[in-house]
C-alpha cells in the first residue's frame, strides 16, 4: 500500500487536529481562570472596592486569544492537508469536515469569550 492511499495518514492528521483542539481549549480555560483569578483574590481578602483587577484580566485575555489562534491555525493547516491529500480515504460515510467545523466553532467561542472579558473590564 502506497503512502498516498494509506488511510492511517489521513487519520493521523485528524488526530493531530483534535490534539491541537484539545490543547487550545485547555489554554482558553487557563485564560478564563487567570482572568477571573484577580476577582477571586479580592473576594478572599475581603476588599470589594478598588476597581477591577485589570492585570489578571489582560493576561487572561491574552491566553484566550492564544488558545483561539492555536485552534484556528490548526484548523487552517488541517484544511490545507486535506486538500493536498490524494488518497482514497476517507470513506463515503465519513464527514471529514466535522473536526474542522468543531475547531472553527471553538475558536469563535474563544474569541467571543475574550471580547466578553474585555468589555467587562471597560464597563467596570
N, C-alpha and C. Protein backbone atom coordinates (compact mmCIF):
# COMPACT_ATOMS: atom_id res chain seq x y z
N UNK A 1 0.85 -1.17 0.00
CA UNK A 1 0.00 0.00 0.00
C UNK A 1 0.89 1.24 0.00
N UNK A 2 0.66 2.12 -0.94
CA UNK A 2 1.48 3.32 -1.01
C UNK A 2 1.07 4.30 0.09
N UNK A 3 1.97 5.21 0.39
CA UNK A 3 1.70 6.18 1.45
C UNK A 3 0.53 7.08 1.11
N UNK A 4 0.33 7.40 -0.16
CA UNK A 4 -0.74 8.30 -0.55
C UNK A 4 -2.12 7.67 -0.41
N UNK A 5 -2.22 6.35 -0.40
CA UNK A 5 -3.52 5.72 -0.26
C UNK A 5 -3.70 5.06 1.11
N UNK A 6 -2.76 5.23 2.00
CA UNK A 6 -2.83 4.65 3.33
C UNK A 6 -3.78 5.48 4.20
N UNK A 7 -4.87 4.91 4.68
CA UNK A 7 -5.82 5.69 5.48
C UNK A 7 -5.24 6.16 6.81
N UNK A 8 -4.17 5.52 7.27
CA UNK A 8 -3.58 5.94 8.54
C UNK A 8 -3.00 7.35 8.46
N UNK A 9 -2.58 7.77 7.27
CA UNK A 9 -2.03 9.12 7.10
C UNK A 9 -3.12 10.15 7.36
N UNK A 10 -4.28 9.94 6.75
CA UNK A 10 -5.40 10.87 6.96
C UNK A 10 -5.86 10.87 8.41
N UNK A 11 -5.99 9.67 8.99
CA UNK A 11 -6.45 9.58 10.37
C UNK A 11 -5.45 10.19 11.33
N UNK A 12 -4.18 10.08 11.04
CA UNK A 12 -3.17 10.73 11.89
C UNK A 12 -3.30 12.25 11.82
N UNK A 13 -3.59 12.77 10.64
CA UNK A 13 -3.80 14.21 10.51
C UNK A 13 -5.02 14.66 11.30
N UNK A 14 -6.07 13.87 11.28
CA UNK A 14 -7.27 14.23 12.04
C UNK A 14 -7.00 14.16 13.55
N UNK A 15 -6.26 13.16 13.98
CA UNK A 15 -5.90 13.07 15.41
C UNK A 15 -5.04 14.26 15.82
N UNK A 16 -4.16 14.68 14.93
CA UNK A 16 -3.32 15.85 15.23
C UNK A 16 -4.18 17.10 15.39
N UNK A 17 -5.15 17.28 14.50
CA UNK A 17 -6.06 18.43 14.63
C UNK A 17 -6.80 18.38 15.95
N UNK A 18 -7.30 17.22 16.32
CA UNK A 18 -8.05 17.11 17.56
C UNK A 18 -7.15 17.32 18.79
N UNK A 19 -5.89 16.93 18.68
CA UNK A 19 -4.96 17.20 19.79
C UNK A 19 -4.71 18.70 19.93
N UNK A 20 -4.58 19.41 18.81
CA UNK A 20 -4.43 20.87 18.87
C UNK A 20 -5.71 21.51 19.40
N UNK A 21 -6.85 20.97 19.03
CA UNK A 21 -8.13 21.48 19.55
C UNK A 21 -8.18 21.31 21.07
N UNK A 22 -7.81 20.15 21.55
CA UNK A 22 -7.80 19.90 23.00
C UNK A 22 -6.83 20.84 23.70
N UNK A 23 -5.66 21.05 23.13
CA UNK A 23 -4.68 21.95 23.75
C UNK A 23 -5.18 23.39 23.73
N UNK A 24 -5.81 23.80 22.64
CA UNK A 24 -6.36 25.15 22.56
C UNK A 24 -7.45 25.39 23.58
N UNK A 25 -8.32 24.39 23.78
CA UNK A 25 -9.37 24.51 24.79
C UNK A 25 -8.75 24.63 26.17
N UNK A 26 -7.69 23.89 26.44
CA UNK A 26 -7.02 23.98 27.73
C UNK A 26 -6.43 25.37 27.95
N UNK A 27 -5.83 25.95 26.92
CA UNK A 27 -5.25 27.30 27.04
C UNK A 27 -6.37 28.33 27.23
N UNK A 28 -7.49 28.17 26.53
CA UNK A 28 -8.62 29.08 26.73
C UNK A 28 -9.15 28.96 28.15
N UNK A 29 -9.27 27.76 28.65
CA UNK A 29 -9.72 27.56 30.04
C UNK A 29 -8.76 28.19 31.04
N UNK A 30 -7.46 28.05 30.80
CA UNK A 30 -6.47 28.69 31.65
C UNK A 30 -6.61 30.20 31.61
N UNK A 31 -6.85 30.73 30.43
CA UNK A 31 -7.04 32.17 30.30
C UNK A 31 -8.23 32.67 31.07
N UNK A 32 -9.33 31.93 31.00
CA UNK A 32 -10.52 32.33 31.76
C UNK A 32 -10.23 32.28 33.25
N UNK A 33 -9.53 31.25 33.69
CA UNK A 33 -9.16 31.12 35.10
C UNK A 33 -8.29 32.29 35.55
N UNK A 34 -7.30 32.64 34.76
CA UNK A 34 -6.42 33.76 35.10
C UNK A 34 -7.20 35.07 35.11
N UNK A 35 -8.10 35.24 34.15
CA UNK A 35 -8.87 36.48 34.07
C UNK A 35 -9.76 36.67 35.29
N UNK A 36 -10.29 35.60 35.80
CA UNK A 36 -11.18 35.69 36.96
C UNK A 36 -10.44 35.51 38.29
N UNK A 37 -9.16 35.18 38.26
CA UNK A 37 -8.42 34.93 39.49
C UNK A 37 -8.23 36.20 40.31
N UNK A 38 -8.05 37.35 39.66
CA UNK A 38 -7.92 38.61 40.39
C UNK A 38 -9.16 38.92 41.20
N UNK A 39 -10.33 38.65 40.63
CA UNK A 39 -11.57 38.87 41.35
C UNK A 39 -11.67 37.91 42.54
N UNK A 40 -11.22 36.68 42.35
CA UNK A 40 -11.23 35.71 43.43
C UNK A 40 -10.32 36.15 44.58
N UNK A 41 -9.14 36.68 44.24
CA UNK A 41 -8.23 37.15 45.29
C UNK A 41 -8.83 38.32 46.07
N UNK A 42 -9.53 39.22 45.37
CA UNK A 42 -10.19 40.33 46.06
C UNK A 42 -11.26 39.82 47.01
N UNK A 43 -11.99 38.81 46.60
CA UNK A 43 -13.04 38.25 47.47
C UNK A 43 -12.42 37.60 48.70
N UNK A 44 -11.30 36.93 48.54
CA UNK A 44 -10.62 36.28 49.66
C UNK A 44 -10.13 37.34 50.66
N UNK A 45 -9.58 38.43 50.14
CA UNK A 45 -9.06 39.50 51.00
C UNK A 45 -10.18 40.30 51.65
N UNK A 46 -11.37 40.23 51.07
CA UNK A 46 -12.49 40.99 51.61
C UNK A 46 -12.54 42.43 51.14
N UNK A 47 -11.79 42.75 50.11
CA UNK A 47 -11.80 44.11 49.58
C UNK A 47 -12.67 44.15 48.34
N UNK A 48 -13.84 44.73 48.48
CA UNK A 48 -14.75 44.82 47.36
C UNK A 48 -14.43 46.05 46.52
N UNK A 49 -14.05 47.14 47.18
CA UNK A 49 -13.70 48.35 46.45
C UNK A 49 -12.31 48.20 45.86
N UNK A 50 -11.94 49.10 45.00
CA UNK A 50 -10.60 49.05 44.43
C UNK A 50 -10.60 48.77 42.95
N UNK A 51 -11.75 48.68 42.33
CA UNK A 51 -11.80 48.51 40.88
C UNK A 51 -11.61 47.08 40.44
N UNK A 52 -11.55 46.93 39.16
CA UNK A 52 -11.43 45.62 38.54
C UNK A 52 -9.95 45.23 38.43
N UNK A 53 -9.62 43.97 38.69
CA UNK A 53 -8.22 43.53 38.57
C UNK A 53 -7.78 43.48 37.11
N UNK A 54 -7.28 44.60 36.64
CA UNK A 54 -7.00 44.75 35.21
C UNK A 54 -5.86 43.85 34.72
N UNK A 55 -4.83 43.67 35.53
CA UNK A 55 -3.67 42.90 35.08
C UNK A 55 -4.04 41.44 34.82
N UNK A 56 -4.76 40.82 35.74
CA UNK A 56 -5.12 39.42 35.53
C UNK A 56 -6.08 39.27 34.36
N UNK A 57 -6.93 40.26 34.15
CA UNK A 57 -7.86 40.18 33.02
C UNK A 57 -7.11 40.29 31.69
N UNK A 58 -6.15 41.18 31.61
CA UNK A 58 -5.39 41.34 30.36
C UNK A 58 -4.58 40.08 30.08
N UNK A 59 -3.95 39.52 31.09
CA UNK A 59 -3.18 38.29 30.89
C UNK A 59 -4.11 37.14 30.50
N UNK A 60 -5.27 37.07 31.14
CA UNK A 60 -6.25 36.04 30.81
C UNK A 60 -6.75 36.16 29.38
N UNK A 61 -7.02 37.39 28.94
CA UNK A 61 -7.47 37.60 27.57
C UNK A 61 -6.37 37.21 26.59
N UNK A 62 -5.12 37.47 26.95
CA UNK A 62 -4.00 37.07 26.08
C UNK A 62 -3.95 35.55 25.93
N UNK A 63 -4.16 34.82 27.03
CA UNK A 63 -4.19 33.36 26.97
C UNK A 63 -5.36 32.87 26.12
N UNK A 64 -6.51 33.52 26.27
CA UNK A 64 -7.69 33.12 25.49
C UNK A 64 -7.42 33.34 24.00
N UNK A 65 -6.83 34.47 23.66
CA UNK A 65 -6.52 34.73 22.26
C UNK A 65 -5.46 33.76 21.73
N UNK A 66 -4.50 33.38 22.57
CA UNK A 66 -3.51 32.39 22.16
C UNK A 66 -4.17 31.05 21.87
N UNK A 67 -5.05 30.60 22.75
CA UNK A 67 -5.75 29.34 22.52
C UNK A 67 -6.61 29.39 21.27
N UNK A 68 -7.26 30.54 21.07
CA UNK A 68 -8.09 30.72 19.88
C UNK A 68 -7.23 30.66 18.61
N UNK A 69 -6.09 31.32 18.65
CA UNK A 69 -5.18 31.30 17.49
C UNK A 69 -4.65 29.89 17.24
N UNK A 70 -4.34 29.15 18.30
CA UNK A 70 -3.87 27.78 18.14
C UNK A 70 -4.90 26.93 17.39
N UNK A 71 -6.15 27.06 17.80
CA UNK A 71 -7.21 26.26 17.19
C UNK A 71 -7.43 26.68 15.74
N UNK A 72 -7.48 27.99 15.52
CA UNK A 72 -7.71 28.48 14.16
C UNK A 72 -6.58 28.06 13.21
N UNK A 73 -5.34 28.19 13.66
CA UNK A 73 -4.21 27.80 12.81
C UNK A 73 -4.17 26.30 12.57
N UNK A 74 -4.52 25.51 13.59
CA UNK A 74 -4.55 24.06 13.40
C UNK A 74 -5.64 23.67 12.40
N UNK A 75 -6.78 24.33 12.48
CA UNK A 75 -7.86 24.05 11.53
C UNK A 75 -7.43 24.44 10.11
N UNK A 76 -6.76 25.57 9.98
CA UNK A 76 -6.28 26.02 8.67
C UNK A 76 -5.28 25.02 8.10
N UNK A 77 -4.33 24.59 8.95
CA UNK A 77 -3.32 23.64 8.50
C UNK A 77 -3.97 22.31 8.10
N UNK A 78 -4.94 21.86 8.88
CA UNK A 78 -5.61 20.59 8.56
C UNK A 78 -6.36 20.70 7.24
N UNK A 79 -7.03 21.82 7.02
CA UNK A 79 -7.77 22.01 5.78
C UNK A 79 -6.83 21.96 4.58
N UNK A 80 -5.67 22.56 4.70
CA UNK A 80 -4.70 22.52 3.59
C UNK A 80 -4.17 21.11 3.37
N UNK A 81 -3.98 20.36 4.45
CA UNK A 81 -3.52 18.98 4.29
C UNK A 81 -4.58 18.15 3.57
N UNK A 82 -5.83 18.31 3.96
CA UNK A 82 -6.91 17.53 3.35
C UNK A 82 -7.02 17.84 1.86
N UNK A 83 -6.83 19.11 1.50
CA UNK A 83 -6.88 19.48 0.08
C UNK A 83 -5.76 18.80 -0.71
N UNK A 84 -4.59 18.68 -0.11
CA UNK A 84 -3.44 18.09 -0.80
C UNK A 84 -3.42 16.57 -0.74
N UNK A 85 -4.18 15.99 0.16
CA UNK A 85 -4.17 14.54 0.34
C UNK A 85 -4.79 13.87 -0.88
N UNK A 86 -4.07 12.96 -1.49
CA UNK A 86 -4.53 12.34 -2.72
C UNK A 86 -5.02 10.90 -2.51
N UNK A 87 -5.13 10.46 -1.28
CA UNK A 87 -5.52 9.08 -1.02
C UNK A 87 -6.99 8.82 -1.30
N UNK A 88 -7.37 7.56 -1.25
CA UNK A 88 -8.75 7.18 -1.50
C UNK A 88 -9.57 7.24 -0.22
N UNK A 89 -9.01 7.77 0.80
CA UNK A 89 -9.67 7.88 2.09
C UNK A 89 -10.11 9.31 2.26
N UNK A 90 -11.13 9.66 2.88
CA UNK A 90 -11.99 8.92 3.79
C UNK A 90 -13.11 8.19 3.06
N UNK A 91 -13.73 7.23 3.74
CA UNK A 91 -14.86 6.54 3.12
C UNK A 91 -16.05 7.49 2.95
N UNK A 92 -17.01 7.08 2.18
CA UNK A 92 -18.13 7.96 1.86
C UNK A 92 -19.01 8.26 3.07
N UNK A 93 -19.05 7.40 4.07
CA UNK A 93 -19.89 7.63 5.24
C UNK A 93 -19.22 8.53 6.27
N UNK A 94 -18.00 8.93 6.03
CA UNK A 94 -17.23 9.76 6.95
C UNK A 94 -17.40 11.22 6.56
N UNK A 95 -17.63 12.08 7.55
CA UNK A 95 -17.75 13.51 7.27
C UNK A 95 -16.43 14.18 7.64
N UNK A 96 -15.54 14.40 6.68
CA UNK A 96 -14.20 14.88 7.01
C UNK A 96 -14.17 16.32 7.53
N UNK A 97 -15.21 17.08 7.33
CA UNK A 97 -15.20 18.48 7.78
C UNK A 97 -15.71 18.64 9.21
N UNK A 98 -16.12 17.55 9.87
CA UNK A 98 -16.65 17.66 11.23
C UNK A 98 -15.62 18.25 12.18
N UNK A 99 -14.42 17.71 12.19
CA UNK A 99 -13.40 18.22 13.11
C UNK A 99 -13.02 19.65 12.75
N UNK A 100 -13.06 19.98 11.48
CA UNK A 100 -12.78 21.35 11.05
C UNK A 100 -13.84 22.31 11.59
N UNK A 101 -15.11 21.96 11.45
CA UNK A 101 -16.19 22.84 11.94
C UNK A 101 -16.19 22.95 13.46
N UNK A 102 -15.89 21.87 14.15
CA UNK A 102 -15.79 21.94 15.61
C UNK A 102 -14.66 22.89 16.00
N UNK A 103 -13.55 22.81 15.31
CA UNK A 103 -12.42 23.70 15.59
C UNK A 103 -12.80 25.16 15.34
N UNK A 104 -13.50 25.41 14.26
CA UNK A 104 -13.91 26.79 13.94
C UNK A 104 -14.87 27.31 15.00
N UNK A 105 -15.83 26.48 15.42
CA UNK A 105 -16.78 26.92 16.45
C UNK A 105 -16.10 27.19 17.79
N UNK A 106 -15.16 26.35 18.17
CA UNK A 106 -14.44 26.57 19.42
C UNK A 106 -13.58 27.83 19.32
N UNK A 107 -12.95 28.05 18.19
CA UNK A 107 -12.14 29.27 18.01
C UNK A 107 -13.02 30.51 18.09
N UNK A 108 -14.18 30.48 17.46
CA UNK A 108 -15.10 31.62 17.54
C UNK A 108 -15.61 31.83 18.96
N UNK A 109 -15.87 30.75 19.67
CA UNK A 109 -16.30 30.86 21.06
C UNK A 109 -15.20 31.46 21.93
N UNK A 110 -13.96 31.08 21.68
CA UNK A 110 -12.84 31.66 22.41
C UNK A 110 -12.70 33.14 22.14
N UNK A 111 -12.88 33.53 20.89
CA UNK A 111 -12.82 34.96 20.56
C UNK A 111 -13.96 35.71 21.23
N UNK A 112 -15.15 35.12 21.26
CA UNK A 112 -16.29 35.76 21.93
C UNK A 112 -16.04 35.89 23.43
N UNK A 113 -15.41 34.90 24.03
CA UNK A 113 -15.07 34.98 25.45
C UNK A 113 -14.07 36.10 25.72
N UNK A 114 -13.09 36.24 24.85
CA UNK A 114 -12.11 37.32 25.01
C UNK A 114 -12.78 38.68 24.88
N UNK A 115 -13.69 38.82 23.93
CA UNK A 115 -14.41 40.09 23.77
C UNK A 115 -15.27 40.36 25.00
N UNK A 116 -15.95 39.33 25.50
CA UNK A 116 -16.77 39.50 26.70
C UNK A 116 -15.95 39.96 27.89
N UNK A 117 -14.80 39.33 28.10
CA UNK A 117 -13.95 39.73 29.22
C UNK A 117 -13.40 41.14 29.02
N UNK A 118 -13.06 41.49 27.79
CA UNK A 118 -12.58 42.84 27.51
C UNK A 118 -13.65 43.88 27.75
N UNK A 119 -14.87 43.60 27.35
CA UNK A 119 -15.98 44.53 27.58
C UNK A 119 -16.29 44.64 29.07
N UNK A 120 -16.17 43.55 29.81
CA UNK A 120 -16.45 43.61 31.25
C UNK A 120 -15.43 44.48 31.97
N UNK A 121 -14.19 44.53 31.48
CA UNK A 121 -13.18 45.40 32.09
C UNK A 121 -13.51 46.84 31.80
N UNK A 122 -13.91 47.15 30.59
CA UNK A 122 -14.20 48.53 30.19
C UNK A 122 -15.43 49.05 30.91
N UNK A 123 -16.44 48.19 31.10
CA UNK A 123 -17.69 48.65 31.70
C UNK A 123 -17.60 48.83 33.20
N UNK A 124 -16.59 48.28 33.86
CA UNK A 124 -16.48 48.43 35.32
C UNK A 124 -15.54 49.54 35.71
